[in-house]
Amino acid sequence: MSAIAAQEPRLNEEITVRECRLIGFDGEQLGIYATAEAQRIADNQGLDLVEIAPMAEPPVCRIMDYGKFKYDQAIKAKQARKNQSKIETKEMKFRPKIDIGDYTTKKKHVLRFLDDGNKVKITIMFRGREMAHPEQGLTILERLADDLKEMAVIESQPKMEGRNMHMLIAPLPSAVAAKKKKETEKKEAEGKDE
């Protein structure tokens, strides 16, 4: 028996136990029945007999419309996936000899990513002789971390990998919580306007 099949409950003729505790379509406990009798009751109602607790003594079976049950579960799972927030990692690339205007613009982009609740990987790219002065890249990363200390926390310290220096920053949990609260209030306000 495969692991996937083990997750699916047994239906109708697949149930091999002699007797089961039967639960009706409306959730009412009907008592202990022979499996064949329980199957007949389900067939008379035009529904399925589903084994919901195979390890119980005796196993518990329920009369239900299994197709509708599976459909409802799929809808709930889809809704749960839709509501969960995904944290992406965005990347912003800097050069060791970046001008103040470019630095400010890129810092604004990093702030926007953090506002959206995303982590940001800051990369300093070195070319040619710039490799001889990694402290210039480190200075930029430290300056950026200092500028963003109210908004973000450093998740991984600056480190050199080949010709690039990386640092990962993440939004502060308090900033993310404040943003979610603001979005909730906005949705409620829109709901009242309608």
N, C-alpha and C. Protein backbone atom coordinates (compact mmCIF):
# COMPACT_ATOMS: atom_id res chain seq x y z
N MET A 1 0.85 -1.19 0.00
CA MET A 1 0.00 0.00 0.00
C MET A 1 0.89 1.24 0.00
N SER A 2 0.65 2.14 -0.93
CA SER A 2 1.51 3.32 -1.03
C SER A 2 1.13 4.36 0.02
N ALA A 3 2.03 5.32 0.22
CA ALA A 3 1.80 6.36 1.23
C ALA A 3 0.63 7.25 0.83
N ILE A 4 0.44 7.47 -0.47
CA ILE A 4 -0.65 8.32 -0.93
C ILE A 4 -1.99 7.64 -0.67
N ALA A 5 -2.06 6.34 -0.98
CA ALA A 5 -3.31 5.60 -0.77
C ALA A 5 -3.67 5.55 0.71
N ALA A 6 -2.69 5.55 1.59
CA ALA A 6 -2.94 5.48 3.02
C ALA A 6 -3.64 6.74 3.52
N GLN A 7 -3.45 7.87 2.83
CA GLN A 7 -4.07 9.12 3.24
C GLN A 7 -5.55 9.17 2.86
N GLU A 8 -5.94 8.48 1.80
CA GLU A 8 -7.33 8.47 1.36
C GLU A 8 -8.13 7.48 2.20
N PRO A 9 -9.30 7.85 2.68
CA PRO A 9 -10.11 6.90 3.45
C PRO A 9 -10.70 5.83 2.52
N ARG A 10 -11.00 4.67 3.11
CA ARG A 10 -11.61 3.60 2.32
C ARG A 10 -13.10 3.89 2.17
N LEU A 11 -13.64 3.57 0.98
CA LEU A 11 -15.05 3.83 0.67
C LEU A 11 -15.78 2.52 0.41
N ASN A 12 -17.07 2.54 0.67
CA ASN A 12 -18.01 1.49 0.28
C ASN A 12 -17.44 0.08 0.36
N GLU A 13 -17.26 -0.60 -0.79
CA GLU A 13 -16.82 -2.01 -0.80
C GLU A 13 -15.36 -2.19 -0.36
N GLU A 14 -14.58 -1.12 -0.31
CA GLU A 14 -13.18 -1.24 0.13
C GLU A 14 -13.10 -1.50 1.64
N ILE A 15 -14.15 -1.20 2.38
CA ILE A 15 -14.15 -1.39 3.84
C ILE A 15 -14.34 -2.88 4.11
N THR A 16 -13.35 -3.49 4.76
CA THR A 16 -13.34 -4.95 4.92
C THR A 16 -13.64 -5.42 6.34
N VAL A 17 -13.82 -4.51 7.29
CA VAL A 17 -14.07 -4.92 8.68
C VAL A 17 -15.48 -5.50 8.80
N ARG A 18 -15.69 -6.36 9.83
CA ARG A 18 -16.99 -7.01 10.02
C ARG A 18 -18.05 -6.03 10.49
N GLU A 19 -17.69 -5.17 11.46
CA GLU A 19 -18.66 -4.22 11.97
C GLU A 19 -18.00 -2.85 12.15
N CYS A 20 -18.85 -1.84 12.23
CA CYS A 20 -18.34 -0.47 12.37
C CYS A 20 -19.31 0.35 13.20
N ARG A 21 -18.79 1.43 13.77
CA ARG A 21 -19.64 2.41 14.46
C ARG A 21 -20.10 3.38 13.37
N LEU A 22 -21.40 3.52 13.22
CA LEU A 22 -21.95 4.28 12.10
C LEU A 22 -22.40 5.66 12.55
N ILE A 23 -22.03 6.67 11.74
CA ILE A 23 -22.46 8.04 11.95
C ILE A 23 -23.30 8.42 10.73
N GLY A 24 -24.47 8.95 10.96
CA GLY A 24 -25.38 9.30 9.87
C GLY A 24 -24.92 10.53 9.10
N PHE A 25 -25.66 10.83 8.02
CA PHE A 25 -25.35 11.96 7.14
C PHE A 25 -25.40 13.28 7.91
N ASP A 26 -26.31 13.39 8.88
CA ASP A 26 -26.46 14.62 9.65
C ASP A 26 -25.53 14.69 10.87
N GLY A 27 -24.65 13.67 11.03
CA GLY A 27 -23.70 13.67 12.15
C GLY A 27 -24.20 12.94 13.37
N GLU A 28 -25.37 12.34 13.27
CA GLU A 28 -25.97 11.62 14.41
C GLU A 28 -25.33 10.24 14.56
N GLN A 29 -25.01 9.86 15.80
CA GLN A 29 -24.45 8.53 16.10
C GLN A 29 -25.58 7.51 15.96
N LEU A 30 -25.40 6.54 15.05
CA LEU A 30 -26.44 5.54 14.83
C LEU A 30 -26.16 4.23 15.58
N GLY A 31 -24.93 4.03 16.05
CA GLY A 31 -24.59 2.83 16.80
C GLY A 31 -23.68 1.90 16.01
N ILE A 32 -23.52 0.67 16.53
CA ILE A 32 -22.62 -0.31 15.89
C ILE A 32 -23.46 -1.19 14.97
N TYR A 33 -23.00 -1.27 13.70
CA TYR A 33 -23.70 -2.05 12.67
C TYR A 33 -22.71 -3.00 12.01
N ALA A 34 -23.24 -4.07 11.42
CA ALA A 34 -22.43 -4.91 10.54
C ALA A 34 -22.12 -4.05 9.32
N THR A 35 -20.92 -4.19 8.77
CA THR A 35 -20.51 -3.33 7.65
C THR A 35 -21.45 -3.47 6.47
N ALA A 36 -21.92 -4.68 6.19
CA ALA A 36 -22.84 -4.90 5.07
C ALA A 36 -24.14 -4.13 5.29
N GLU A 37 -24.64 -4.13 6.52
CA GLU A 37 -25.87 -3.41 6.86
C GLU A 37 -25.66 -1.90 6.72
N ALA A 38 -24.49 -1.41 7.20
CA ALA A 38 -24.16 0.01 7.09
C ALA A 38 -24.08 0.43 5.62
N GLN A 39 -23.50 -0.45 4.80
CA GLN A 39 -23.39 -0.18 3.35
C GLN A 39 -24.78 -0.10 2.73
N ARG A 40 -25.69 -0.99 3.14
CA ARG A 40 -27.05 -0.99 2.62
C ARG A 40 -27.77 0.31 2.98
N ILE A 41 -27.57 0.80 4.22
CA ILE A 41 -28.19 2.05 4.67
C ILE A 41 -27.68 3.22 3.81
N ALA A 42 -26.38 3.23 3.57
CA ALA A 42 -25.78 4.30 2.74
C ALA A 42 -26.33 4.23 1.32
N ASP A 43 -26.41 3.03 0.76
CA ASP A 43 -26.92 2.85 -0.62
C ASP A 43 -28.37 3.33 -0.72
N ASN A 44 -29.19 3.01 0.29
CA ASN A 44 -30.59 3.42 0.28
C ASN A 44 -30.73 4.94 0.26
N GLN A 45 -29.76 5.65 0.88
CA GLN A 45 -29.80 7.12 0.90
C GLN A 45 -29.10 7.71 -0.33
N GLY A 46 -28.52 6.83 -1.16
CA GLY A 46 -27.81 7.31 -2.36
C GLY A 46 -26.49 7.99 -2.01
N LEU A 47 -25.87 7.58 -0.89
CA LEU A 47 -24.62 8.20 -0.44
C LEU A 47 -23.53 7.14 -0.29
N ASP A 48 -22.33 7.60 0.11
CA ASP A 48 -21.18 6.70 0.27
C ASP A 48 -20.97 6.38 1.75
N LEU A 49 -20.42 5.18 1.99
CA LEU A 49 -19.98 4.80 3.33
C LEU A 49 -18.48 5.04 3.37
N VAL A 50 -18.02 5.93 4.25
CA VAL A 50 -16.61 6.32 4.30
C VAL A 50 -16.04 5.99 5.67
N GLU A 51 -14.90 5.28 5.67
CA GLU A 51 -14.22 4.91 6.91
C GLU A 51 -13.39 6.12 7.36
N ILE A 52 -13.81 6.80 8.43
CA ILE A 52 -13.12 8.03 8.84
C ILE A 52 -12.14 7.81 9.98
N ALA A 53 -12.30 6.71 10.75
CA ALA A 53 -11.36 6.41 11.85
C ALA A 53 -11.06 4.91 11.83
N PRO A 54 -10.14 4.48 10.94
CA PRO A 54 -9.89 3.04 10.79
C PRO A 54 -9.21 2.41 12.01
N MET A 55 -8.54 3.19 12.86
CA MET A 55 -7.81 2.62 13.99
C MET A 55 -8.68 2.48 15.24
N ALA A 56 -9.89 3.06 15.21
CA ALA A 56 -10.77 2.97 16.38
C ALA A 56 -11.27 1.53 16.53
N GLU A 57 -11.82 1.24 17.69
CA GLU A 57 -12.31 -0.11 17.96
C GLU A 57 -13.78 -0.03 18.32
N PRO A 58 -14.74 -0.39 17.54
CA PRO A 58 -14.62 -0.76 16.12
C PRO A 58 -14.38 0.48 15.25
N PRO A 59 -13.93 0.30 13.99
CA PRO A 59 -13.68 1.45 13.12
C PRO A 59 -14.94 2.30 12.94
N VAL A 60 -14.74 3.60 12.78
CA VAL A 60 -15.87 4.53 12.63
C VAL A 60 -16.09 4.81 11.14
N CYS A 61 -17.33 4.66 10.70
CA CYS A 61 -17.70 4.94 9.31
C CYS A 61 -18.79 6.01 9.31
N ARG A 62 -18.80 6.80 8.26
CA ARG A 62 -19.78 7.87 8.17
C ARG A 62 -20.48 7.82 6.82
N ILE A 63 -21.76 8.12 6.82
CA ILE A 63 -22.51 8.18 5.57
C ILE A 63 -22.40 9.62 5.07
N MET A 64 -21.87 9.78 3.85
CA MET A 64 -21.70 11.13 3.29
C MET A 64 -21.61 11.07 1.78
N ASP A 65 -21.73 12.23 1.14
CA ASP A 65 -21.51 12.37 -0.30
C ASP A 65 -20.02 12.64 -0.45
N TYR A 66 -19.24 11.59 -0.74
CA TYR A 66 -17.78 11.71 -0.72
C TYR A 66 -17.27 12.67 -1.79
N GLY A 67 -17.88 12.68 -2.97
CA GLY A 67 -17.46 13.59 -4.04
C GLY A 67 -17.59 15.04 -3.62
N LYS A 68 -18.72 15.37 -2.99
CA LYS A 68 -18.94 16.74 -2.51
C LYS A 68 -17.96 17.07 -1.38
N PHE A 69 -17.71 16.10 -0.50
CA PHE A 69 -16.76 16.28 0.60
C PHE A 69 -15.36 16.61 0.07
N LYS A 70 -14.91 15.84 -0.94
CA LYS A 70 -13.58 16.08 -1.53
C LYS A 70 -13.52 17.46 -2.20
N TYR A 71 -14.60 17.83 -2.89
CA TYR A 71 -14.66 19.12 -3.55
C TYR A 71 -14.56 20.25 -2.53
N ASP A 72 -15.33 20.15 -1.43
CA ASP A 72 -15.30 21.17 -0.38
C ASP A 72 -13.91 21.29 0.24
N GLN A 73 -13.25 20.13 0.45
CA GLN A 73 -11.89 20.16 1.01
C GLN A 73 -10.92 20.85 0.06
N ALA A 74 -11.05 20.59 -1.24
CA ALA A 74 -10.17 21.22 -2.23
C ALA A 74 -10.37 22.73 -2.23
N ILE A 75 -11.62 23.19 -2.11
CA ILE A 75 -11.92 24.63 -2.07
C ILE A 75 -11.29 25.25 -0.82
N LYS A 76 -11.43 24.57 0.33
CA LYS A 76 -10.85 25.09 1.58
C LYS A 76 -9.33 25.18 1.48
N ALA A 77 -8.70 24.15 0.90
CA ALA A 77 -7.24 24.15 0.76
C ALA A 77 -6.79 25.28 -0.16
N LYS A 78 -7.54 25.51 -1.24
CA LYS A 78 -7.20 26.58 -2.17
C LYS A 78 -7.31 27.94 -1.48
N GLN A 79 -8.37 28.11 -0.67
CA GLN A 79 -8.58 29.36 0.07
C GLN A 79 -7.46 29.58 1.07
N ALA A 80 -7.03 28.50 1.75
CA ALA A 80 -5.94 28.62 2.73
C ALA A 80 -4.65 29.04 2.05
N ARG A 81 -4.38 28.46 0.86
CA ARG A 81 -3.16 28.83 0.13
C ARG A 81 -3.23 30.29 -0.31
N LYS A 82 -4.42 30.74 -0.71
CA LYS A 82 -4.60 32.11 -1.18
C LYS A 82 -4.36 33.10 -0.05
N ASN A 83 -4.79 32.74 1.16
CA ASN A 83 -4.68 33.65 2.30
C ASN A 83 -3.30 33.67 2.94
N GLN A 84 -2.48 32.66 2.67
CA GLN A 84 -1.18 32.65 3.34
C GLN A 84 -0.23 33.61 2.63
N SER A 85 0.59 34.29 3.41
CA SER A 85 1.50 35.28 2.82
C SER A 85 2.80 34.61 2.44
N LYS A 86 3.26 34.95 1.26
CA LYS A 86 4.52 34.39 0.77
C LYS A 86 5.60 35.44 0.94
N ILE A 87 6.70 35.04 1.56
CA ILE A 87 7.82 35.96 1.72
C ILE A 87 8.81 35.67 0.60
N GLU A 88 8.99 36.66 -0.23
CA GLU A 88 9.94 36.52 -1.33
C GLU A 88 11.26 37.17 -0.93
N THR A 89 12.32 36.77 -1.63
CA THR A 89 13.61 37.42 -1.42
C THR A 89 13.92 38.22 -2.68
N LYS A 90 13.95 39.52 -2.54
CA LYS A 90 14.29 40.41 -3.66
C LYS A 90 15.79 40.67 -3.59
N GLU A 91 16.35 41.10 -4.70
CA GLU A 91 17.79 41.39 -4.70
C GLU A 91 18.03 42.80 -5.22
N MET A 92 18.95 43.52 -4.58
CA MET A 92 19.34 44.84 -5.02
C MET A 92 20.86 44.83 -5.17
N LYS A 93 21.34 45.24 -6.35
CA LYS A 93 22.78 45.21 -6.62
C LYS A 93 23.37 46.61 -6.55
N PHE A 94 24.48 46.70 -5.88
CA PHE A 94 25.22 47.96 -5.74
C PHE A 94 26.62 47.77 -6.31
N ARG A 95 27.29 48.90 -6.60
CA ARG A 95 28.70 48.89 -6.99
C ARG A 95 29.49 49.58 -5.88
N PRO A 96 30.77 49.24 -5.70
CA PRO A 96 31.55 49.86 -4.62
C PRO A 96 31.67 51.38 -4.76
N LYS A 97 31.70 51.90 -5.99
CA LYS A 97 31.87 53.33 -6.19
C LYS A 97 30.54 53.97 -6.59
N ILE A 98 29.47 53.68 -5.84
CA ILE A 98 28.14 54.18 -6.18
C ILE A 98 28.02 55.65 -5.80
N ASP A 99 27.34 56.40 -6.64
CA ASP A 99 27.12 57.83 -6.41
C ASP A 99 25.99 58.00 -5.40
N ILE A 100 25.93 59.13 -4.72
CA ILE A 100 24.94 59.36 -3.66
C ILE A 100 23.51 59.31 -4.20
N GLY A 101 23.30 59.84 -5.41
CA GLY A 101 21.96 59.82 -6.02
C GLY A 101 21.49 58.40 -6.30
N ASP A 102 22.39 57.58 -6.88
CA ASP A 102 22.06 56.18 -7.17
C ASP A 102 21.81 55.41 -5.87
N TYR A 103 22.62 55.71 -4.86
CA TYR A 103 22.47 55.05 -3.56
C TYR A 103 21.08 55.35 -2.99
N THR A 104 20.67 56.61 -3.04
CA THR A 104 19.37 57.03 -2.51
C THR A 104 18.23 56.33 -3.24
N THR A 105 18.32 56.27 -4.57
CA THR A 105 17.29 55.62 -5.38
C THR A 105 17.18 54.14 -5.02
N LYS A 106 18.32 53.46 -4.95
CA LYS A 106 18.32 52.02 -4.64
C LYS A 106 17.83 51.78 -3.21
N LYS A 107 18.16 52.70 -2.31
CA LYS A 107 17.69 52.57 -0.92
C LYS A 107 16.17 52.66 -0.88
N LYS A 108 15.58 53.54 -1.71
CA LYS A 108 14.12 53.67 -1.77
C LYS A 108 13.49 52.36 -2.27
N HIS A 109 14.13 51.72 -3.25
CA HIS A 109 13.63 50.44 -3.75
C HIS A 109 13.68 49.38 -2.64
N VAL A 110 14.77 49.35 -1.90
CA VAL A 110 14.91 48.40 -0.79
C VAL A 110 13.82 48.65 0.25
N LEU A 111 13.55 49.91 0.56
CA LEU A 111 12.49 50.26 1.51
C LEU A 111 11.12 49.78 1.02
N ARG A 112 10.87 49.93 -0.29
CA ARG A 112 9.60 49.47 -0.86
C ARG A 112 9.47 47.95 -0.71
N PHE A 113 10.57 47.21 -0.99
CA PHE A 113 10.55 45.75 -0.84
C PHE A 113 10.26 45.37 0.60
N LEU A 114 10.91 46.06 1.54
CA LEU A 114 10.70 45.76 2.96
C LEU A 114 9.27 46.08 3.39
N ASP A 115 8.70 47.17 2.86
CA ASP A 115 7.31 47.54 3.16
C ASP A 115 6.35 46.45 2.71
N ASP A 116 6.68 45.79 1.59
CA ASP A 116 5.84 44.70 1.07
C ASP A 116 6.02 43.42 1.87
N GLY A 117 6.93 43.42 2.86
CA GLY A 117 7.14 42.24 3.70
C GLY A 117 8.15 41.26 3.13
N ASN A 118 8.92 41.67 2.13
CA ASN A 118 9.91 40.79 1.51
C ASN A 118 11.29 40.95 2.13
N LYS A 119 12.07 39.87 2.07
CA LYS A 119 13.47 39.96 2.47
C LYS A 119 14.23 40.55 1.29
N VAL A 120 15.36 41.18 1.56
CA VAL A 120 16.15 41.77 0.48
C VAL A 120 17.60 41.32 0.60
N LYS A 121 18.11 40.78 -0.50
CA LYS A 121 19.52 40.38 -0.56
C LYS A 121 20.26 41.54 -1.23
N ILE A 122 21.19 42.13 -0.48
CA ILE A 122 21.98 43.25 -1.00
C ILE A 122 23.29 42.66 -1.53
N THR A 123 23.60 42.95 -2.78
CA THR A 123 24.83 42.43 -3.40
C THR A 123 25.70 43.59 -3.85
N ILE A 124 26.96 43.55 -3.44
CA ILE A 124 27.95 44.52 -3.94
C ILE A 124 28.79 43.76 -4.97
N MET A 125 28.81 44.27 -6.22
CA MET A 125 29.56 43.60 -7.29
C MET A 125 30.90 44.32 -7.49
N PHE A 126 31.97 43.55 -7.44
CA PHE A 126 33.31 44.10 -7.63
C PHE A 126 33.81 43.71 -9.02
N ARG A 127 34.52 44.65 -9.68
CA ARG A 127 35.14 44.35 -10.97
C ARG A 127 36.61 44.71 -10.91
N GLY A 128 37.42 43.91 -11.56
CA GLY A 128 38.85 44.20 -11.72
C GLY A 128 39.56 44.59 -10.45
N ARG A 129 40.15 45.78 -10.45
CA ARG A 129 40.96 46.23 -9.32
C ARG A 129 40.13 46.56 -8.08
N GLU A 130 38.82 46.68 -8.24
CA GLU A 130 37.95 46.95 -7.08
C GLU A 130 38.06 45.82 -6.05
N MET A 131 38.48 44.63 -6.52
CA MET A 131 38.62 43.47 -5.62
C MET A 131 39.67 43.73 -4.54
N ALA A 132 40.59 44.64 -4.81
CA ALA A 132 41.64 44.95 -3.84
C ALA A 132 41.12 45.76 -2.66
N HIS A 133 39.90 46.31 -2.79
CA HIS A 133 39.35 47.16 -1.72
C HIS A 133 37.95 46.70 -1.31
N PRO A 134 37.83 45.51 -0.70
CA PRO A 134 36.51 45.04 -0.28
C PRO A 134 35.92 45.90 0.84
N GLU A 135 36.77 46.67 1.52
CA GLU A 135 36.26 47.52 2.61
C GLU A 135 35.30 48.59 2.08
N GLN A 136 35.45 48.98 0.80
CA GLN A 136 34.52 49.96 0.21
C GLN A 136 33.10 49.38 0.14
N GLY A 137 33.01 48.12 -0.26
CA GLY A 137 31.71 47.45 -0.32
C GLY A 137 31.13 47.28 1.07
N LEU A 138 31.98 46.92 2.02
CA LEU A 138 31.53 46.73 3.40
C LEU A 138 31.00 48.05 3.97
N THR A 139 31.64 49.15 3.62
CA THR A 139 31.20 50.47 4.08
C THR A 139 29.78 50.78 3.58
N ILE A 140 29.53 50.45 2.31
CA ILE A 140 28.20 50.69 1.73
C ILE A 140 27.15 49.84 2.46
N LEU A 141 27.47 48.56 2.69
CA LEU A 141 26.52 47.67 3.38
C LEU A 141 26.24 48.16 4.80
N GLU A 142 27.29 48.60 5.51
CA GLU A 142 27.10 49.10 6.88
C GLU A 142 26.25 50.37 6.88
N ARG A 143 26.50 51.25 5.90
CA ARG A 143 25.75 52.49 5.80
C ARG A 143 24.27 52.19 5.53
N LEU A 144 24.02 51.24 4.63
CA LEU A 144 22.65 50.86 4.30
C LEU A 144 21.95 50.25 5.52
N ALA A 145 22.65 49.37 6.23
CA ALA A 145 22.08 48.73 7.43
C ALA A 145 21.75 49.79 8.47
N ASP A 146 22.62 50.80 8.60
CA ASP A 146 22.38 51.88 9.57
C ASP A 146 21.17 52.72 9.15
N ASP A 147 21.05 53.01 7.84
CA ASP A 147 19.93 53.82 7.33
C ASP A 147 18.59 53.10 7.52
N LEU A 148 18.61 51.76 7.49
CA LEU A 148 17.37 50.98 7.54
C LEU A 148 17.10 50.35 8.91
N LYS A 149 17.84 50.73 9.94
CA LYS A 149 17.73 50.03 11.22
C LYS A 149 16.34 50.11 11.85
N GLU A 150 15.53 51.15 11.52
CA GLU A 150 14.16 51.23 12.05
C GLU A 150 13.21 50.30 11.31
N MET A 151 13.58 49.92 10.09
CA MET A 151 12.68 49.13 9.23
C MET A 151 13.07 47.66 9.14
N ALA A 152 14.38 47.38 9.29
CA ALA A 152 14.86 46.02 8.98
C ALA A 152 15.91 45.54 9.96
N VAL A 153 16.11 44.24 9.91
CA VAL A 153 17.13 43.60 10.74
C VAL A 153 18.05 42.80 9.80
N ILE A 154 19.33 42.75 10.13
CA ILE A 154 20.28 42.00 9.30
C ILE A 154 20.11 40.52 9.63
N GLU A 155 19.76 39.73 8.60
CA GLU A 155 19.54 38.30 8.81
C GLU A 155 20.83 37.52 8.60
N SER A 156 21.63 37.92 7.62
CA SER A 156 22.96 37.30 7.48
C SER A 156 23.98 38.41 7.23
N GLN A 157 25.03 38.37 8.02
CA GLN A 157 26.06 39.39 7.98
C GLN A 157 26.76 39.41 6.61
N PRO A 158 27.38 40.55 6.24
CA PRO A 158 28.07 40.63 4.95
C PRO A 158 29.16 39.57 4.83
N LYS A 159 29.19 38.91 3.67
CA LYS A 159 30.26 37.94 3.43
C LYS A 159 30.63 37.97 1.95
N MET A 160 31.87 37.66 1.69
CA MET A 160 32.43 37.70 0.34
C MET A 160 32.25 36.34 -0.31
N GLU A 161 31.72 36.31 -1.53
CA GLU A 161 31.62 35.07 -2.32
C GLU A 161 32.10 35.39 -3.72
N GLY A 162 33.30 34.96 -4.04
CA GLY A 162 33.86 35.26 -5.35
C GLY A 162 34.07 36.75 -5.52
N ARG A 163 33.46 37.32 -6.56
CA ARG A 163 33.59 38.75 -6.83
C ARG A 163 32.45 39.57 -6.22
N ASN A 164 31.57 38.92 -5.46
CA ASN A 164 30.42 39.62 -4.87
C ASN A 164 30.45 39.55 -3.35
N MET A 165 29.87 40.58 -2.73
CA MET A 165 29.70 40.60 -1.28
C MET A 165 28.19 40.65 -1.04
N HIS A 166 27.68 39.76 -0.16
CA HIS A 166 26.24 39.66 0.08
C HIS A 166 25.89 39.99 1.52
N MET A 167 24.67 40.49 1.69
CA MET A 167 24.09 40.69 3.01
C MET A 167 22.57 40.51 2.84
N LEU A 168 21.94 39.80 3.77
CA LEU A 168 20.49 39.58 3.69
C LEU A 168 19.82 40.35 4.82
N ILE A 169 18.81 41.16 4.46
CA ILE A 169 18.07 41.90 5.47
C ILE A 169 16.59 41.50 5.38
N ALA A 170 15.93 41.53 6.53
CA ALA A 170 14.51 41.16 6.59
C ALA A 170 13.76 42.27 7.31
N PRO A 171 12.46 42.44 6.96
CA PRO A 171 11.68 43.48 7.65
C PRO A 171 11.48 43.12 9.12
N LEU A 172 11.43 44.13 9.97
CA LEU A 172 11.16 43.88 11.39
C LEU A 172 9.75 43.34 11.56
N PRO A 173 9.56 42.36 12.45
CA PRO A 173 8.21 41.80 12.65
C PRO A 173 7.18 42.87 13.02
N SER A 174 7.58 43.87 13.79
CA SER A 174 6.64 44.93 14.18
C SER A 174 6.18 45.73 12.96
N ALA A 175 7.09 45.96 12.01
CA ALA A 175 6.74 46.70 10.80
C ALA A 175 5.78 45.89 9.94
N VAL A 176 5.99 44.57 9.85
CA VAL A 176 5.10 43.70 9.07
C VAL A 176 3.72 43.65 9.71
N ALA A 177 3.68 43.55 11.04
CA ALA A 177 2.40 43.50 11.76
C ALA A 177 1.63 44.81 11.57
N ALA A 178 2.32 45.94 11.62
CA ALA A 178 1.67 47.24 11.43
C ALA A 178 1.09 47.33 10.02
N LYS A 179 1.81 46.82 9.03
CA LYS A 179 1.34 46.85 7.64
C LYS A 179 0.08 45.99 7.48
N LYS A 180 0.09 44.78 8.08
CA LYS A 180 -1.08 43.90 7.99
C LYS A 180 -2.30 44.55 8.64
N LYS A 181 -2.09 45.21 9.79
CA LYS A 181 -3.19 45.88 10.49
C LYS A 181 -3.76 46.99 9.61
N LYS A 182 -2.88 47.72 8.95
CA LYS A 182 -3.29 48.82 8.08
C LYS A 182 -4.11 48.29 6.90
N GLU A 183 -3.67 47.15 6.31
CA GLU A 183 -4.39 46.55 5.19
C GLU A 183 -5.77 46.08 5.63
N THR A 184 -5.86 45.46 6.81
CA THR A 184 -7.13 44.98 7.34
C THR A 184 -8.10 46.14 7.53
N GLU A 185 -7.61 47.25 8.10
CA GLU A 185 -8.45 48.43 8.31
C GLU A 185 -8.93 49.00 6.98
N LYS A 186 -8.05 48.97 5.97
CA LYS A 186 -8.40 49.48 4.64
C LYS A 186 -9.50 48.62 4.03
N LYS A 187 -9.38 47.27 4.14
CA LYS A 187 -10.40 46.37 3.59
C LYS A 187 -11.74 46.59 4.29
N GLU A 188 -11.70 46.77 5.62
CA GLU A 188 -12.94 47.00 6.37
C GLU A 188 -13.59 48.31 5.94
N ALA A 189 -12.78 49.34 5.71
CA ALA A 189 -13.31 50.64 5.28
C ALA A 189 -13.95 50.51 3.90
N GLU A 190 -13.33 49.74 2.99
CA GLU A 190 -13.89 49.54 1.66
C GLU A 190 -15.19 48.76 1.74
N GLY A 191 -15.26 47.81 2.66
CA GLY A 191 -16.47 47.00 2.85
C GLY A 191 -17.64 47.85 3.32
N LYS A 192 -17.38 48.85 4.15
CA LYS A 192 -18.44 49.73 4.67
C LYS A 192 -18.96 50.67 3.58
N ASP A 193 -18.10 51.07 2.65
CA ASP A 193 -18.49 52.00 1.60
C ASP A 193 -19.49 51.37 0.64
N GLU A 194 -19.42 50.06 0.47
CA GLU A 194 -20.28 49.38 -0.52
C GLU A 194 -21.72 49.27 -0.06
